[in-house]
Amino acid sequence: MFEISSAQLLREFITLFVVVDPIGSLPVFYFATSSVAARFHWKFALRGVLVAALVLYFFLIAGQVVIEAIGLRLGSFQIAGGIILFLFALTMIFGPSKPAREIEEAEHTDLSGAVYPLAIPSIASPGAMLAIVILTDNNRNSVSDQLVTAGVLGVVLLITLLLLLLAARLKRVIGTTGADVISRVMGMILATVAVDSVLNGFETLGLFAVHG
């Protein structure tokens, strides 16, 4: 029933893990919950992940339908999406860390911070939305393969929830600086995935064949 290979499954997991960036969301969670009682942190984490899941699964189900409805070619979207993912990766590598971008919003929002900035744009980032649309290509992948992608996304979101629930313990182990370093390494991986998406877009448009 499921035609996806183990290598492709691993690639999808790595791609989604990188763009969702659960570890990179930890500093945002720390700041967003700084004024929230510790007993509510689990509710804060759960709400953030659930909202992010709703957004990401919407793009998984309807993202390509919207693209096709407005007459865009998938190859063009793959190229544009790959370029945007690459720029997104560069901000992860060279730009300010997530808390530097979002600390001002996170410090004073109480439980509302579970939606912004934790769920959006930290977990359900623009890069994650684009990556999901690219991975659920109706022209390349069967429905069963897309169900696998949905399952992989669910696993990544569960990992994100688990890390947020363990945030207090993880803070003592890796700290904010450690999370920032890991996020930058993930940015390098995402840059590679983005280049691959651009090459696939050229191949989809028939401009040249990609081998290897």
Protein backbone atom coordinates (compact mmCIF):
# COMPACT_ATOMS: atom_id res chain seq x y z
CA MET A 1 0.00 0.00 0.00
CA PHE A 2 2.73 2.47 1.00
CA GLU A 3 5.24 2.92 -1.79
CA ILE A 4 7.56 5.33 -0.01
CA SER A 5 11.11 4.08 0.55
CA SER A 6 12.93 4.18 3.87
CA ALA A 7 15.37 6.74 2.43
CA GLN A 8 12.49 8.99 1.35
CA LEU A 9 10.82 8.53 4.73
CA LEU A 10 14.01 9.60 6.48
CA ARG A 11 14.38 12.57 4.14
CA GLU A 12 10.83 13.73 4.88
CA PHE A 13 11.37 13.35 8.62
CA ILE A 14 14.61 15.34 8.52
CA THR A 15 13.04 18.01 6.31
CA LEU A 16 9.99 18.46 8.56
CA PHE A 17 12.06 18.28 11.74
CA VAL A 18 14.37 20.99 10.42
CA VAL A 19 11.65 23.39 9.23
CA VAL A 20 9.45 22.92 12.30
CA ASP A 21 12.62 23.23 14.41
CA PRO A 22 11.35 21.96 17.79
CA ILE A 23 14.65 22.72 19.53
CA GLY A 24 14.74 26.23 18.10
CA SER A 25 11.27 26.82 19.55
CA LEU A 26 12.47 26.12 23.09
CA PRO A 27 13.89 29.63 23.68
CA VAL A 28 10.60 31.14 22.47
CA PHE A 29 8.76 28.88 24.91
CA TYR A 30 11.05 29.95 27.76
CA PHE A 31 10.37 33.63 27.17
CA ALA A 32 6.67 33.19 26.42
CA THR A 33 6.09 31.32 29.69
CA SER A 34 8.25 33.59 31.84
CA SER A 35 5.16 35.30 33.28
CA VAL A 36 3.00 32.16 33.32
CA ALA A 37 2.66 29.98 36.42
CA ALA A 38 4.60 26.71 36.09
CA ARG A 39 1.44 24.63 36.58
CA PHE A 40 0.05 26.07 33.32
CA HIS A 41 3.13 25.38 31.20
CA TRP A 42 1.77 22.03 29.97
CA LYS A 43 -1.44 23.72 28.82
CA PHE A 44 0.61 26.45 27.13
CA ALA A 45 2.68 23.84 25.26
CA LEU A 46 -0.36 21.78 24.26
CA ARG A 47 -2.24 24.80 22.95
CA GLY A 48 0.74 25.98 20.93
CA VAL A 49 1.31 22.61 19.26
CA LEU A 50 -2.40 22.09 18.53
CA VAL A 51 -2.72 25.48 16.84
CA ALA A 52 0.44 24.82 14.82
CA ALA A 53 -0.92 21.40 13.85
CA LEU A 54 -4.17 22.93 12.55
CA VAL A 55 -2.23 25.38 10.39
CA LEU A 56 0.25 22.83 9.03
CA TYR A 57 -2.36 20.17 8.28
CA PHE A 58 -4.42 22.78 6.45
CA PHE A 59 -1.45 23.38 4.16
CA LEU A 60 -0.92 19.63 3.83
CA ILE A 61 -4.53 19.07 2.71
CA ALA A 62 -5.33 22.24 0.78
CA GLY A 63 -2.01 23.85 -0.09
CA GLN A 64 -1.54 22.28 -3.51
CA VAL A 65 -5.25 22.55 -4.32
CA VAL A 66 -4.95 26.31 -3.91
CA ILE A 67 -1.85 26.37 -6.12
CA GLU A 68 -3.57 24.41 -8.87
CA ALA A 69 -6.76 26.48 -8.56
CA ILE A 70 -4.89 29.66 -9.44
CA GLY A 71 -3.10 27.96 -12.32
CA LEU A 72 0.47 27.80 -11.02
CA ARG A 73 2.80 25.06 -12.26
CA LEU A 74 4.24 22.85 -9.55
CA GLY A 75 7.76 23.15 -10.94
CA SER A 76 7.59 26.92 -10.63
CA PHE A 77 6.35 26.58 -7.06
CA GLN A 78 9.15 24.13 -6.24
CA ILE A 79 11.74 26.60 -7.52
CA ALA A 80 10.18 29.59 -5.75
CA GLY A 81 9.59 27.57 -2.59
CA GLY A 82 13.15 26.26 -2.67
CA ILE A 83 14.54 29.78 -2.98
CA ILE A 84 12.40 30.99 -0.08
CA LEU A 85 13.40 27.97 2.01
CA PHE A 86 17.03 28.73 1.21
CA LEU A 87 16.63 32.34 2.36
CA PHE A 88 14.81 31.05 5.45
CA ALA A 89 17.77 28.72 6.08
CA LEU A 90 20.19 31.64 5.78
CA THR A 91 18.28 33.51 8.49
CA MET A 92 18.58 30.42 10.70
CA ILE A 93 22.34 30.26 10.09
CA PHE A 94 23.35 33.93 10.06
CA GLY A 95 20.38 35.83 11.44
CA PRO A 96 19.34 36.58 15.01
CA SER A 97 18.09 33.71 17.11
CA LYS A 98 14.37 33.13 17.54
CA PRO A 99 14.16 34.83 20.94
CA ALA A 100 15.95 37.90 19.55
CA ARG A 101 13.22 38.22 16.91
CA GLU A 102 10.27 37.30 19.06
CA ILE A 103 11.15 38.07 22.68
CA GLU A 104 9.27 41.39 22.69
CA GLU A 105 6.02 39.69 21.70
CA ALA A 106 6.59 36.68 23.92
CA GLU A 107 7.33 38.46 27.19
CA HIS A 108 3.95 40.04 27.76
CA THR A 109 1.37 37.78 26.13
CA ASP A 110 0.69 35.21 28.88
CA LEU A 111 -1.33 32.23 27.55
CA SER A 112 -2.04 34.06 24.30
CA GLY A 113 1.65 33.60 23.54
CA ALA A 114 0.87 29.96 22.84
CA VAL A 115 -0.67 31.12 19.56
CA TYR A 116 1.71 33.97 18.76
CA PRO A 117 4.66 33.73 18.69
CA LEU A 118 4.95 30.05 19.73
CA ALA A 119 2.52 28.30 17.34
CA ILE A 120 2.94 30.91 14.61
CA PRO A 121 5.57 31.69 13.42
CA SER A 122 7.87 29.60 15.62
CA ILE A 123 6.47 26.07 15.10
CA ALA A 124 4.25 26.61 12.04
CA SER A 125 6.86 28.75 10.30
CA PRO A 126 6.57 29.96 6.69
CA GLY A 127 9.31 27.49 5.83
CA ALA A 128 7.31 24.63 7.33
CA MET A 129 4.20 25.59 5.36
CA LEU A 130 6.14 25.69 2.10
CA ALA A 131 7.96 22.44 2.80
CA ILE A 132 4.70 20.60 3.46
CA VAL A 133 3.17 21.76 0.17
CA ILE A 134 6.28 20.62 -1.69
CA LEU A 135 6.37 17.23 0.06
CA THR A 136 2.68 16.53 -0.66
CA ASP A 137 3.01 16.81 -4.42
CA ASN A 138 -0.18 15.30 -5.92
CA ASN A 139 1.54 14.76 -9.27
CA ARG A 140 4.48 12.81 -7.84
CA ASN A 141 3.08 11.16 -4.71
CA SER A 142 0.13 8.82 -4.25
CA VAL A 143 -2.52 9.34 -1.58
CA SER A 144 -0.85 6.66 0.55
CA ASP A 145 2.48 8.49 0.31
CA GLN A 146 0.80 11.72 1.38
CA LEU A 147 -0.73 9.88 4.34
CA VAL A 148 2.80 8.86 5.29
CA THR A 149 3.84 12.52 5.11
CA ALA A 150 0.90 13.39 7.36
CA GLY A 151 2.06 10.72 9.80
CA VAL A 152 5.64 12.00 9.74
CA LEU A 153 4.38 15.51 10.44
CA GLY A 154 2.38 14.13 13.36
CA VAL A 155 5.52 12.48 14.77
CA VAL A 156 7.48 15.73 14.47
CA LEU A 157 4.70 17.64 16.24
CA LEU A 158 4.59 15.03 19.02
CA ILE A 159 8.35 15.40 19.44
CA THR A 160 7.85 19.16 19.59
CA LEU A 161 5.21 18.77 22.30
CA LEU A 162 7.43 16.40 24.27
CA LEU A 163 10.37 18.82 24.13
CA LEU A 164 8.17 21.70 25.26
CA LEU A 165 6.82 19.63 28.16
CA LEU A 166 10.41 18.85 29.14
CA ALA A 167 11.53 22.45 28.56
CA ALA A 168 12.45 23.15 32.17
CA ARG A 169 14.76 20.12 32.34
CA LEU A 170 16.23 20.75 28.90
CA LYS A 171 17.02 24.34 29.83
CA ARG A 172 19.35 23.09 32.52
CA VAL A 173 21.06 20.76 30.03
CA ILE A 174 21.51 22.77 26.81
CA GLY A 175 20.42 26.28 27.76
CA THR A 176 19.32 29.01 25.37
CA THR A 177 22.75 29.18 23.72
CA GLY A 178 22.76 25.45 23.03
CA ALA A 179 19.33 25.63 21.42
CA ASP A 180 20.53 28.50 19.24
CA VAL A 181 23.58 26.54 18.06
CA ILE A 182 21.46 23.50 17.18
CA SER A 183 19.02 25.71 15.29
CA ARG A 184 21.86 27.09 13.15
CA VAL A 185 23.10 23.59 12.32
CA MET A 186 19.56 22.72 11.23
CA GLY A 187 19.63 25.79 9.02
CA MET A 188 22.57 24.29 7.12
CA ILE A 189 20.61 21.09 6.57
CA LEU A 190 17.58 23.07 5.41
CA ALA A 191 19.73 24.96 2.89
CA THR A 192 20.68 21.63 1.30
CA VAL A 193 17.03 20.56 1.15
CA ALA A 194 16.13 23.91 -0.44
CA VAL A 195 18.72 23.53 -3.21
CA ASP A 196 17.36 20.04 -3.90
CA SER A 197 13.84 21.48 -4.21
CA VAL A 198 15.04 24.02 -6.80
CA LEU A 199 16.75 21.28 -8.83
CA ASN A 200 13.57 19.16 -8.69
CA GLY A 201 11.60 22.17 -9.90
CA PHE A 202 13.85 22.53 -12.95
CA GLU A 203 13.42 18.81 -13.62
CA THR A 204 9.62 19.04 -13.26
CA LEU A 205 9.56 21.86 -15.82
CA GLY A 206 11.68 19.73 -18.15
CA LEU A 207 14.57 22.19 -18.24
CA PHE A 208 17.11 19.50 -17.37
CA ALA A 209 17.33 16.09 -15.71
CA VAL A 210 18.77 15.70 -12.24
CA HIS A 211 20.86 12.60 -11.61
CA GLY A 212 22.31 11.18 -8.41
